[in-house]
């Protein structure tokens, strides 16, 4: 418990980080630059896969590849 009581005050560090005028939005500073590209990749891949299979189902094919 003493680690919580006697630890360094990080508030000034985070204030400098979040109030810095570097052209990034607050959510980009908080979550990092890797999270949104990963999220968008997953989002568009899943939408693309869903649209591909919907098109195949309309044509009567129930598998990802082939005519079955």
N, C-alpha and C. Protein backbone atom coordinates (compact mmCIF):
# COMPACT_ATOMS: atom_id res chain seq x y z
N UNK A 1 0.82 -1.20 0.00
CA UNK A 1 0.00 0.00 0.00
C UNK A 1 0.86 1.25 0.00
N UNK A 2 2.08 1.15 0.53
CA UNK A 2 2.94 2.32 0.60
C UNK A 2 3.35 2.79 -0.79
N UNK A 3 3.34 1.88 -1.77
CA UNK A 3 3.66 2.26 -3.14
C UNK A 3 2.66 3.25 -3.71
N UNK A 4 1.43 3.15 -3.30
CA UNK A 4 0.41 4.09 -3.77
C UNK A 4 0.50 5.42 -3.06
N UNK A 5 0.86 5.39 -1.80
CA UNK A 5 0.89 6.61 -1.00
C UNK A 5 2.10 7.47 -1.33
N UNK A 6 3.26 6.86 -1.50
CA UNK A 6 4.50 7.61 -1.65
C UNK A 6 5.03 7.62 -3.08
N UNK A 7 4.19 7.41 -4.06
CA UNK A 7 4.70 7.39 -5.43
C UNK A 7 4.74 8.79 -6.03
N UNK A 8 5.45 8.90 -7.14
CA UNK A 8 5.65 10.18 -7.82
C UNK A 8 4.33 10.73 -8.37
N UNK A 9 4.18 12.05 -8.29
CA UNK A 9 3.00 12.71 -8.84
C UNK A 9 3.18 12.85 -10.36
N UNK A 10 2.37 12.15 -11.15
CA UNK A 10 2.50 12.15 -12.60
C UNK A 10 1.57 13.14 -13.29
N UNK A 11 0.77 13.89 -12.53
CA UNK A 11 -0.19 14.83 -13.11
C UNK A 11 0.50 15.88 -13.99
N UNK A 12 1.57 16.53 -13.56
CA UNK A 12 2.22 17.50 -14.45
C UNK A 12 2.73 16.88 -15.76
N UNK A 13 3.23 15.66 -15.68
CA UNK A 13 3.70 14.97 -16.89
C UNK A 13 2.54 14.77 -17.87
N UNK A 14 1.41 14.26 -17.38
CA UNK A 14 0.26 14.02 -18.26
C UNK A 14 -0.36 15.32 -18.76
N UNK A 15 -0.34 16.36 -17.96
CA UNK A 15 -0.83 17.65 -18.44
C UNK A 15 0.01 18.16 -19.59
N UNK A 16 1.34 18.06 -19.48
CA UNK A 16 2.21 18.46 -20.59
C UNK A 16 1.94 17.62 -21.82
N UNK A 17 1.74 16.33 -21.63
CA UNK A 17 1.52 15.42 -22.76
C UNK A 17 0.21 15.73 -23.49
N UNK A 18 -0.86 15.93 -22.74
CA UNK A 18 -2.17 16.11 -23.35
C UNK A 18 -2.43 17.55 -23.81
N UNK A 19 -1.75 18.53 -23.24
CA UNK A 19 -1.98 19.92 -23.64
C UNK A 19 -0.96 20.41 -24.65
N UNK A 20 -0.05 19.53 -25.08
CA UNK A 20 0.96 19.88 -26.07
C UNK A 20 0.28 20.09 -27.44
N UNK A 21 0.64 21.14 -28.14
CA UNK A 21 0.06 21.44 -29.45
C UNK A 21 0.89 20.75 -30.53
N UNK A 22 0.56 19.49 -30.79
CA UNK A 22 1.31 18.72 -31.78
C UNK A 22 0.44 18.26 -32.94
N UNK A 23 -0.79 18.74 -33.02
CA UNK A 23 -1.67 18.40 -34.14
C UNK A 23 -2.44 17.11 -33.95
N UNK A 24 -2.26 16.41 -32.83
CA UNK A 24 -2.99 15.18 -32.59
C UNK A 24 -4.23 15.46 -31.75
N UNK A 25 -5.25 14.69 -31.97
CA UNK A 25 -6.45 14.81 -31.14
C UNK A 25 -6.23 14.07 -29.82
N UNK A 26 -7.08 14.37 -28.84
CA UNK A 26 -6.90 13.80 -27.51
C UNK A 26 -6.99 12.28 -27.54
N UNK A 27 -7.93 11.72 -28.30
CA UNK A 27 -8.05 10.26 -28.32
C UNK A 27 -6.86 9.61 -28.98
N UNK A 28 -6.17 10.32 -29.89
CA UNK A 28 -4.96 9.76 -30.49
C UNK A 28 -3.82 9.75 -29.48
N UNK A 29 -3.77 10.73 -28.62
CA UNK A 29 -2.72 10.78 -27.61
C UNK A 29 -2.96 9.71 -26.55
N UNK A 30 -4.22 9.47 -26.21
CA UNK A 30 -4.53 8.53 -25.14
C UNK A 30 -4.40 7.09 -25.59
N UNK A 31 -4.78 6.77 -26.82
CA UNK A 31 -4.82 5.39 -27.27
C UNK A 31 -3.64 4.99 -28.13
N UNK A 32 -2.86 5.94 -28.55
CA UNK A 32 -1.71 5.61 -29.38
C UNK A 32 -2.08 5.63 -30.86
N UNK A 33 -1.06 5.71 -31.68
CA UNK A 33 -1.29 5.81 -33.12
C UNK A 33 -1.53 4.46 -33.77
N UNK A 34 -1.34 3.37 -33.07
CA UNK A 34 -1.49 2.05 -33.66
C UNK A 34 -2.91 1.52 -33.56
N UNK A 35 -3.71 2.06 -32.64
CA UNK A 35 -5.02 1.46 -32.40
C UNK A 35 -6.02 1.76 -33.51
N UNK A 36 -6.08 2.98 -34.01
CA UNK A 36 -7.06 3.32 -35.03
C UNK A 36 -6.78 2.62 -36.37
N UNK A 37 -5.54 2.55 -36.86
CA UNK A 37 -5.33 1.78 -38.09
C UNK A 37 -5.68 0.31 -37.94
N UNK A 38 -5.38 -0.28 -36.79
CA UNK A 38 -5.74 -1.68 -36.55
C UNK A 38 -7.26 -1.84 -36.52
N UNK A 39 -7.95 -0.91 -35.87
CA UNK A 39 -9.41 -0.96 -35.81
C UNK A 39 -10.01 -0.81 -37.21
N UNK A 40 -9.52 0.15 -37.99
CA UNK A 40 -10.07 0.36 -39.34
C UNK A 40 -9.78 -0.82 -40.25
N UNK A 41 -8.60 -1.43 -40.12
CA UNK A 41 -8.30 -2.61 -40.91
C UNK A 41 -9.27 -3.74 -40.60
N UNK A 42 -9.49 -3.99 -39.32
CA UNK A 42 -10.43 -5.03 -38.92
C UNK A 42 -11.85 -4.70 -39.37
N UNK A 43 -12.25 -3.45 -39.24
CA UNK A 43 -13.59 -3.03 -39.63
C UNK A 43 -13.83 -3.23 -41.12
N UNK A 44 -12.92 -2.71 -41.96
CA UNK A 44 -13.12 -2.80 -43.41
C UNK A 44 -12.93 -4.21 -43.93
N UNK A 45 -12.07 -5.00 -43.29
CA UNK A 45 -11.92 -6.39 -43.69
C UNK A 45 -13.19 -7.17 -43.41
N UNK A 46 -13.78 -6.97 -42.25
CA UNK A 46 -15.01 -7.69 -41.92
C UNK A 46 -16.18 -7.24 -42.78
N UNK A 47 -16.25 -5.95 -43.08
CA UNK A 47 -17.32 -5.46 -43.97
C UNK A 47 -17.12 -6.03 -45.38
N UNK A 48 -15.89 -6.02 -45.86
CA UNK A 48 -15.60 -6.56 -47.19
C UNK A 48 -15.92 -8.05 -47.27
N UNK A 49 -15.54 -8.82 -46.24
CA UNK A 49 -15.84 -10.25 -46.23
C UNK A 49 -17.34 -10.50 -46.20
N UNK A 50 -18.07 -9.70 -45.42
CA UNK A 50 -19.52 -9.85 -45.37
C UNK A 50 -20.16 -9.54 -46.71
N UNK A 51 -19.71 -8.48 -47.36
CA UNK A 51 -20.27 -8.12 -48.67
C UNK A 51 -19.94 -9.19 -49.72
N UNK A 52 -18.73 -9.74 -49.67
CA UNK A 52 -18.34 -10.79 -50.60
C UNK A 52 -19.25 -12.01 -50.45
N UNK A 53 -19.44 -12.44 -49.20
CA UNK A 53 -20.29 -13.62 -48.99
C UNK A 53 -21.75 -13.33 -49.27
N UNK A 54 -22.23 -12.11 -49.04
CA UNK A 54 -23.62 -11.79 -49.40
C UNK A 54 -23.80 -11.89 -50.90
N UNK A 55 -22.83 -11.41 -51.65
CA UNK A 55 -22.90 -11.52 -53.10
C UNK A 55 -22.88 -12.96 -53.56
N UNK A 56 -22.06 -13.79 -52.93
CA UNK A 56 -22.01 -15.21 -53.30
C UNK A 56 -23.30 -15.91 -52.95
N UNK A 57 -23.90 -15.55 -51.82
CA UNK A 57 -25.16 -16.19 -51.45
C UNK A 57 -26.28 -15.80 -52.40
N UNK A 58 -26.28 -14.57 -52.89
CA UNK A 58 -27.28 -14.15 -53.87
C UNK A 58 -27.15 -14.98 -55.14
N UNK A 59 -25.92 -15.32 -55.51
CA UNK A 59 -25.68 -16.13 -56.70
C UNK A 59 -25.90 -17.62 -56.45
N UNK A 60 -26.15 -18.02 -55.21
CA UNK A 60 -26.46 -19.41 -54.90
C UNK A 60 -25.29 -20.24 -54.41
N UNK A 61 -24.16 -19.65 -54.14
CA UNK A 61 -22.99 -20.38 -53.65
C UNK A 61 -22.89 -20.21 -52.14
N UNK A 62 -22.81 -21.33 -51.41
CA UNK A 62 -22.81 -21.26 -49.95
C UNK A 62 -21.43 -21.43 -49.32
N UNK A 63 -20.37 -21.42 -50.12
CA UNK A 63 -19.02 -21.54 -49.62
C UNK A 63 -18.21 -20.34 -50.05
N UNK A 64 -17.01 -20.18 -49.46
CA UNK A 64 -16.15 -19.03 -49.78
C UNK A 64 -15.58 -19.12 -51.18
N UNK A 65 -15.23 -20.34 -51.61
CA UNK A 65 -14.67 -20.52 -52.94
C UNK A 65 -15.36 -21.71 -53.60
N UNK A 66 -15.30 -21.80 -54.88
CA UNK A 66 -15.90 -22.92 -55.62
C UNK A 66 -17.36 -22.68 -55.95
N UNK A 67 -17.96 -23.70 -56.52
CA UNK A 67 -19.35 -23.58 -56.97
C UNK A 67 -20.35 -24.27 -56.03
N UNK A 68 -19.92 -24.86 -54.94
CA UNK A 68 -20.83 -25.59 -54.05
C UNK A 68 -21.61 -24.69 -53.15
